[in-house]
Amino acid sequence: MLSSANSPLIDALHAVREWCEAREAFWTHRSNQAVRLRELRWQLKELLVWLELHDDQEEAASRLDRAVEELREKWWDFERACESAAPRAVEEPRCREAADVLLAAADKLAGVLEELSDEIPDSIWQGYGDV
């Protein structure tokens, strides 16, 4: 159950899911997907910093940090797997496999965001975004 007061986490969760839904763009607009992922990572880093500012949220920040790092690493694996296959990367098995692993990492990140939304008290987010 997603808490509406944990909207920064929910917003990030929706952004991750939206990025995943654009799977076909991985093949046709990889540079756009890279930019969208970079923007998503900045959004997630802001959440991380906010959580780290609260001493009782270190474990939550660590879980989020690990999931974000895994997604970043899987993106680079995907890029390396597909760099020599363009423009026919969609037909290349190693690219498809790397994309599947990348999307699994994004799905894992979405799961972490959903879990944290349920676990983190709404009071943590008071003042978030006001700065």
N, C-alpha and C. Protein backbone atom coordinates (compact mmCIF):
# COMPACT_ATOMS: atom_id res chain seq x y z
N MET A 1 0.84 -1.18 0.00
CA MET A 1 0.00 0.00 0.00
C MET A 1 0.88 1.24 0.00
N LEU A 2 0.74 2.06 -0.99
CA LEU A 2 1.56 3.25 -1.12
C LEU A 2 0.96 4.41 -0.35
N SER A 3 1.77 5.01 0.50
CA SER A 3 1.32 6.14 1.30
C SER A 3 1.39 7.41 0.46
N SER A 4 0.31 8.17 0.42
CA SER A 4 0.29 9.38 -0.39
C SER A 4 1.22 10.46 0.15
N ALA A 5 1.48 10.44 1.45
CA ALA A 5 2.38 11.45 2.03
C ALA A 5 3.83 11.19 1.64
N ASN A 6 4.13 9.98 1.22
CA ASN A 6 5.48 9.65 0.77
C ASN A 6 5.61 9.94 -0.72
N SER A 7 5.03 11.07 -1.15
CA SER A 7 4.97 11.38 -2.57
C SER A 7 6.33 11.47 -3.26
N PRO A 8 7.41 11.90 -2.61
CA PRO A 8 8.69 11.88 -3.32
C PRO A 8 9.08 10.46 -3.75
N LEU A 9 8.82 9.49 -2.90
CA LEU A 9 9.11 8.10 -3.24
C LEU A 9 8.16 7.60 -4.32
N ILE A 10 6.90 7.96 -4.20
CA ILE A 10 5.91 7.53 -5.19
C ILE A 10 6.19 8.18 -6.54
N ASP A 11 6.56 9.45 -6.53
CA ASP A 11 6.93 10.13 -7.78
C ASP A 11 8.10 9.42 -8.44
N ALA A 12 9.09 9.04 -7.65
CA ALA A 12 10.25 8.33 -8.19
C ALA A 12 9.84 6.95 -8.70
N LEU A 13 8.97 6.28 -7.98
CA LEU A 13 8.48 4.97 -8.40
C LEU A 13 7.79 5.09 -9.76
N HIS A 14 6.94 6.08 -9.93
CA HIS A 14 6.26 6.28 -11.21
C HIS A 14 7.26 6.60 -12.32
N ALA A 15 8.26 7.38 -12.01
CA ALA A 15 9.28 7.72 -13.01
C ALA A 15 10.06 6.48 -13.45
N VAL A 16 10.38 5.60 -12.51
CA VAL A 16 11.09 4.36 -12.85
C VAL A 16 10.20 3.50 -13.74
N ARG A 17 8.96 3.35 -13.36
CA ARG A 17 8.04 2.53 -14.16
C ARG A 17 7.83 3.10 -15.55
N GLU A 18 7.73 4.41 -15.64
CA GLU A 18 7.58 5.07 -16.95
C GLU A 18 8.80 4.81 -17.81
N TRP A 19 9.97 4.90 -17.22
CA TRP A 19 11.21 4.66 -17.95
C TRP A 19 11.23 3.23 -18.49
N CYS A 20 10.79 2.29 -17.68
CA CYS A 20 10.74 0.88 -18.09
C CYS A 20 9.75 0.65 -19.22
N GLU A 21 8.63 1.34 -19.17
CA GLU A 21 7.61 1.17 -20.18
C GLU A 21 8.06 1.64 -21.56
N ALA A 22 9.08 2.45 -21.59
CA ALA A 22 9.62 2.95 -22.86
C ALA A 22 10.69 2.01 -23.41
N ARG A 23 10.55 0.72 -23.14
CA ARG A 23 11.54 -0.29 -23.51
C ARG A 23 11.94 -0.23 -24.98
N GLU A 24 11.00 -0.06 -25.86
CA GLU A 24 11.33 -0.04 -27.29
C GLU A 24 12.24 1.14 -27.64
N ALA A 25 12.19 2.19 -26.85
CA ALA A 25 13.08 3.33 -27.09
C ALA A 25 14.54 2.98 -26.83
N PHE A 26 14.78 1.91 -26.09
CA PHE A 26 16.16 1.48 -25.88
C PHE A 26 16.84 1.23 -27.22
N TRP A 27 16.06 0.77 -28.18
CA TRP A 27 16.63 0.39 -29.48
C TRP A 27 16.67 1.55 -30.45
N THR A 28 15.69 2.42 -30.38
CA THR A 28 15.60 3.49 -31.36
C THR A 28 16.12 4.83 -30.87
N HIS A 29 16.07 5.05 -29.59
CA HIS A 29 16.48 6.35 -29.02
C HIS A 29 17.32 6.14 -27.76
N ARG A 30 18.41 5.39 -27.91
CA ARG A 30 19.23 5.08 -26.72
C ARG A 30 19.75 6.33 -26.04
N SER A 31 20.12 7.33 -26.81
CA SER A 31 20.66 8.54 -26.17
C SER A 31 19.58 9.23 -25.36
N ASN A 32 18.33 9.23 -25.83
CA ASN A 32 17.23 9.82 -25.06
C ASN A 32 17.00 9.03 -23.78
N GLN A 33 17.08 7.71 -23.87
CA GLN A 33 16.90 6.87 -22.69
C GLN A 33 18.02 7.13 -21.69
N ALA A 34 19.23 7.34 -22.18
CA ALA A 34 20.35 7.64 -21.29
C ALA A 34 20.12 8.96 -20.55
N VAL A 35 19.60 9.96 -21.26
CA VAL A 35 19.31 11.25 -20.65
C VAL A 35 18.20 11.09 -19.61
N ARG A 36 17.16 10.36 -19.95
CA ARG A 36 16.06 10.14 -19.00
C ARG A 36 16.55 9.39 -17.77
N LEU A 37 17.44 8.43 -17.97
CA LEU A 37 17.99 7.70 -16.82
C LEU A 37 18.84 8.62 -15.95
N ARG A 38 19.62 9.48 -16.56
CA ARG A 38 20.44 10.44 -15.80
C ARG A 38 19.54 11.36 -14.97
N GLU A 39 18.45 11.83 -15.56
CA GLU A 39 17.51 12.67 -14.82
C GLU A 39 16.87 11.90 -13.67
N LEU A 40 16.53 10.66 -13.93
CA LEU A 40 15.95 9.81 -12.89
C LEU A 40 16.95 9.60 -11.76
N ARG A 41 18.20 9.37 -12.10
CA ARG A 41 19.23 9.18 -11.07
C ARG A 41 19.39 10.44 -10.22
N TRP A 42 19.29 11.63 -10.81
CA TRP A 42 19.37 12.87 -10.03
C TRP A 42 18.20 12.96 -9.07
N GLN A 43 17.01 12.61 -9.54
CA GLN A 43 15.83 12.60 -8.68
C GLN A 43 16.04 11.65 -7.50
N LEU A 44 16.60 10.49 -7.78
CA LEU A 44 16.83 9.50 -6.74
C LEU A 44 17.95 9.93 -5.79
N LYS A 45 18.96 10.62 -6.31
CA LYS A 45 20.04 11.12 -5.45
C LYS A 45 19.51 12.15 -4.46
N GLU A 46 18.57 12.98 -4.90
CA GLU A 46 17.96 13.94 -3.99
C GLU A 46 17.25 13.22 -2.84
N LEU A 47 16.55 12.14 -3.16
CA LEU A 47 15.90 11.34 -2.13
C LEU A 47 16.93 10.75 -1.18
N LEU A 48 18.01 10.25 -1.75
CA LEU A 48 19.08 9.66 -0.95
C LEU A 48 19.65 10.65 0.04
N VAL A 49 19.98 11.82 -0.44
CA VAL A 49 20.55 12.84 0.44
C VAL A 49 19.57 13.19 1.55
N TRP A 50 18.29 13.33 1.19
CA TRP A 50 17.28 13.66 2.20
C TRP A 50 17.22 12.58 3.27
N LEU A 51 17.21 11.32 2.83
CA LEU A 51 17.17 10.21 3.79
C LEU A 51 18.42 10.18 4.66
N GLU A 52 19.57 10.46 4.06
CA GLU A 52 20.83 10.45 4.82
C GLU A 52 20.87 11.55 5.86
N LEU A 53 20.12 12.62 5.66
CA LEU A 53 20.06 13.70 6.63
C LEU A 53 19.31 13.31 7.90
N HIS A 54 18.58 12.21 7.83
CA HIS A 54 17.81 11.71 8.97
C HIS A 54 18.51 10.47 9.50
N ASP A 55 19.08 10.61 10.70
CA ASP A 55 19.89 9.53 11.28
C ASP A 55 19.17 8.20 11.34
N ASP A 56 17.88 8.22 11.52
CA ASP A 56 17.15 6.96 11.64
C ASP A 56 16.79 6.34 10.29
N GLN A 57 17.25 6.95 9.20
CA GLN A 57 16.92 6.44 7.86
C GLN A 57 18.16 5.97 7.09
N GLU A 58 19.25 5.70 7.81
CA GLU A 58 20.49 5.29 7.14
C GLU A 58 20.32 3.97 6.38
N GLU A 59 19.60 3.02 6.97
CA GLU A 59 19.40 1.72 6.32
C GLU A 59 18.56 1.89 5.06
N ALA A 60 17.53 2.73 5.13
CA ALA A 60 16.69 2.99 3.96
C ALA A 60 17.52 3.64 2.85
N ALA A 61 18.34 4.60 3.23
CA ALA A 61 19.20 5.27 2.25
C ALA A 61 20.17 4.28 1.61
N SER A 62 20.70 3.39 2.40
CA SER A 62 21.63 2.39 1.90
C SER A 62 20.95 1.44 0.90
N ARG A 63 19.75 1.01 1.22
CA ARG A 63 19.00 0.13 0.31
C ARG A 63 18.73 0.83 -1.01
N LEU A 64 18.31 2.07 -0.94
CA LEU A 64 18.03 2.83 -2.15
C LEU A 64 19.30 3.05 -2.95
N ASP A 65 20.38 3.39 -2.27
CA ASP A 65 21.66 3.62 -2.93
C ASP A 65 22.13 2.38 -3.69
N ARG A 66 22.02 1.22 -3.07
CA ARG A 66 22.43 -0.03 -3.73
C ARG A 66 21.59 -0.31 -4.98
N ALA A 67 20.29 -0.07 -4.89
CA ALA A 67 19.42 -0.32 -6.04
C ALA A 67 19.70 0.65 -7.19
N VAL A 68 19.97 1.91 -6.86
CA VAL A 68 20.30 2.91 -7.88
C VAL A 68 21.64 2.56 -8.54
N GLU A 69 22.61 2.17 -7.73
CA GLU A 69 23.92 1.80 -8.26
C GLU A 69 23.82 0.58 -9.18
N GLU A 70 23.01 -0.39 -8.80
CA GLU A 70 22.83 -1.57 -9.65
C GLU A 70 22.22 -1.19 -10.99
N LEU A 71 21.24 -0.30 -10.98
CA LEU A 71 20.63 0.15 -12.23
C LEU A 71 21.67 0.85 -13.10
N ARG A 72 22.48 1.70 -12.49
CA ARG A 72 23.52 2.41 -13.26
C ARG A 72 24.50 1.42 -13.89
N GLU A 73 24.92 0.44 -13.11
CA GLU A 73 25.85 -0.56 -13.63
C GLU A 73 25.22 -1.36 -14.77
N LYS A 74 23.96 -1.73 -14.65
CA LYS A 74 23.30 -2.51 -15.69
C LYS A 74 23.09 -1.68 -16.95
N TRP A 75 22.91 -0.37 -16.79
CA TRP A 75 22.82 0.49 -17.98
C TRP A 75 24.14 0.46 -18.74
N TRP A 76 25.24 0.57 -18.00
CA TRP A 76 26.54 0.56 -18.68
C TRP A 76 26.81 -0.81 -19.31
N ASP A 77 26.39 -1.88 -18.67
CA ASP A 77 26.51 -3.21 -19.28
C ASP A 77 25.71 -3.28 -20.57
N PHE A 78 24.52 -2.72 -20.55
CA PHE A 78 23.67 -2.67 -21.74
C PHE A 78 24.35 -1.87 -22.84
N GLU A 79 24.87 -0.72 -22.49
CA GLU A 79 25.56 0.12 -23.49
C GLU A 79 26.73 -0.62 -24.13
N ARG A 80 27.53 -1.28 -23.30
CA ARG A 80 28.69 -2.02 -23.83
C ARG A 80 28.24 -3.18 -24.71
N ALA A 81 27.20 -3.86 -24.31
CA ALA A 81 26.72 -5.01 -25.08
C ALA A 81 26.18 -4.60 -26.44
N CYS A 82 25.65 -3.40 -26.53
CA CYS A 82 24.97 -2.98 -27.75
C CYS A 82 25.74 -1.97 -28.60
N GLU A 83 26.86 -1.47 -28.12
CA GLU A 83 27.53 -0.39 -28.82
C GLU A 83 27.97 -0.76 -30.24
N SER A 84 28.38 -1.98 -30.47
CA SER A 84 28.83 -2.37 -31.80
C SER A 84 27.72 -2.95 -32.66
N ALA A 85 26.54 -3.11 -32.09
CA ALA A 85 25.44 -3.75 -32.81
C ALA A 85 24.49 -2.75 -33.46
N ALA A 86 24.62 -1.48 -33.17
CA ALA A 86 23.70 -0.50 -33.74
C ALA A 86 23.85 -0.49 -35.26
N PRO A 87 22.83 -0.28 -36.03
CA PRO A 87 21.46 0.03 -35.64
C PRO A 87 20.58 -1.22 -35.47
N ARG A 88 21.14 -2.38 -35.56
CA ARG A 88 20.35 -3.61 -35.48
C ARG A 88 20.45 -4.27 -34.11
N ALA A 89 20.66 -3.46 -33.08
CA ALA A 89 20.85 -3.99 -31.73
C ALA A 89 19.66 -4.82 -31.27
N VAL A 90 18.47 -4.43 -31.72
CA VAL A 90 17.27 -5.14 -31.31
C VAL A 90 17.31 -6.62 -31.71
N GLU A 91 18.06 -6.93 -32.74
CA GLU A 91 18.15 -8.31 -33.22
C GLU A 91 19.31 -9.07 -32.59
N GLU A 92 20.14 -8.39 -31.86
CA GLU A 92 21.33 -8.99 -31.27
C GLU A 92 21.00 -9.64 -29.93
N PRO A 93 21.18 -10.96 -29.79
CA PRO A 93 20.82 -11.64 -28.54
C PRO A 93 21.49 -11.06 -27.29
N ARG A 94 22.77 -10.68 -27.40
CA ARG A 94 23.44 -10.15 -26.20
C ARG A 94 22.84 -8.81 -25.79
N CYS A 95 22.34 -8.05 -26.75
CA CYS A 95 21.69 -6.78 -26.42
C CYS A 95 20.34 -7.03 -25.75
N ARG A 96 19.59 -7.96 -26.29
CA ARG A 96 18.29 -8.31 -25.69
C ARG A 96 18.48 -8.81 -24.26
N GLU A 97 19.49 -9.64 -24.08
CA GLU A 97 19.77 -10.17 -22.74
C GLU A 97 20.17 -9.05 -21.78
N ALA A 98 21.03 -8.17 -22.25
CA ALA A 98 21.46 -7.04 -21.40
C ALA A 98 20.26 -6.13 -21.08
N ALA A 99 19.35 -5.94 -22.03
CA ALA A 99 18.16 -5.13 -21.79
C ALA A 99 17.27 -5.79 -20.74
N ASP A 100 17.14 -7.11 -20.81
CA ASP A 100 16.33 -7.83 -19.83
C ASP A 100 16.91 -7.67 -18.42
N VAL A 101 18.24 -7.77 -18.31
CA VAL A 101 18.91 -7.61 -17.02
C VAL A 101 18.74 -6.17 -16.51
N LEU A 102 18.85 -5.21 -17.42
CA LEU A 102 18.67 -3.81 -17.08
C LEU A 102 17.26 -3.56 -16.54
N LEU A 103 16.27 -4.09 -17.23
CA LEU A 103 14.89 -3.90 -16.79
C LEU A 103 14.61 -4.61 -15.48
N ALA A 104 15.28 -5.73 -15.25
CA ALA A 104 15.13 -6.42 -13.96
C ALA A 104 15.69 -5.55 -12.84
N ALA A 105 16.81 -4.85 -13.09
CA ALA A 105 17.38 -3.95 -12.09
C ALA A 105 16.44 -2.77 -11.84
N ALA A 106 15.81 -2.26 -12.89
CA ALA A 106 14.86 -1.16 -12.73
C ALA A 106 13.64 -1.63 -11.94
N ASP A 107 13.20 -2.84 -12.21
CA ASP A 107 12.07 -3.40 -11.48
C ASP A 107 12.42 -3.58 -10.00
N LYS A 108 13.65 -4.02 -9.74
CA LYS A 108 14.11 -4.16 -8.35
C LYS A 108 14.11 -2.80 -7.65
N LEU A 109 14.59 -1.77 -8.35
CA LEU A 109 14.58 -0.42 -7.80
C LEU A 109 13.15 0.03 -7.50
N ALA A 110 12.24 -0.24 -8.40
CA ALA A 110 10.83 0.11 -8.17
C ALA A 110 10.31 -0.60 -6.92
N GLY A 111 10.70 -1.85 -6.74
CA GLY A 111 10.29 -2.58 -5.55
C GLY A 111 10.83 -1.97 -4.28
N VAL A 112 12.08 -1.53 -4.31
CA VAL A 112 12.69 -0.87 -3.14
C VAL A 112 11.94 0.42 -2.84
N LEU A 113 11.63 1.20 -3.87
CA LEU A 113 10.90 2.44 -3.65
C LEU A 113 9.53 2.18 -3.04
N GLU A 114 8.86 1.15 -3.52
CA GLU A 114 7.54 0.81 -2.98
C GLU A 114 7.65 0.36 -1.52
N GLU A 115 8.64 -0.46 -1.22
CA GLU A 115 8.85 -0.90 0.16
C GLU A 115 9.14 0.29 1.08
N LEU A 116 10.02 1.17 0.62
CA LEU A 116 10.37 2.33 1.44
C LEU A 116 9.17 3.24 1.65
N SER A 117 8.33 3.36 0.64
CA SER A 117 7.13 4.18 0.77
C SER A 117 6.24 3.67 1.90
N ASP A 118 6.20 2.35 2.04
CA ASP A 118 5.41 1.75 3.11
C ASP A 118 6.09 1.85 4.48
N GLU A 119 7.41 1.86 4.50
CA GLU A 119 8.17 1.79 5.75
C GLU A 119 8.52 3.14 6.35
N ILE A 120 8.79 4.12 5.52
CA ILE A 120 9.28 5.41 6.01
C ILE A 120 8.11 6.26 6.50
N PRO A 121 8.23 6.79 7.72
CA PRO A 121 7.15 7.63 8.25
C PRO A 121 6.97 8.89 7.38
N ASP A 122 5.73 9.28 7.24
CA ASP A 122 5.41 10.46 6.44
C ASP A 122 6.13 11.71 6.94
N SER A 123 6.39 11.78 8.24
CA SER A 123 7.02 12.96 8.83
C SER A 123 8.42 13.23 8.27
N ILE A 124 9.08 12.20 7.76
CA ILE A 124 10.43 12.37 7.18
C ILE A 124 10.40 13.35 6.02
N TRP A 125 9.28 13.41 5.31
CA TRP A 125 9.20 14.20 4.09
C TRP A 125 8.75 15.65 4.32
N GLN A 126 8.51 16.00 5.58
CA GLN A 126 8.13 17.38 5.87
C GLN A 126 9.30 18.28 5.50
N GLY A 127 9.03 19.24 4.64
CA GLY A 127 10.06 20.18 4.19
C GLY A 127 10.78 19.75 2.94
N TYR A 128 10.59 18.51 2.50
CA TYR A 128 11.25 18.04 1.28
C TYR A 128 10.71 18.85 0.09
N GLY A 129 11.61 19.34 -0.71
CA GLY A 129 11.20 20.11 -1.87
C GLY A 129 11.02 21.59 -1.59
N ASP A 130 11.09 21.98 -0.33
CA ASP A 130 10.93 23.39 0.03
C ASP A 130 12.23 24.17 -0.14
N VAL A 131 13.31 23.43 -0.19
CA VAL A 131 14.63 24.08 -0.22
C VAL A 131 14.96 24.52 -1.62
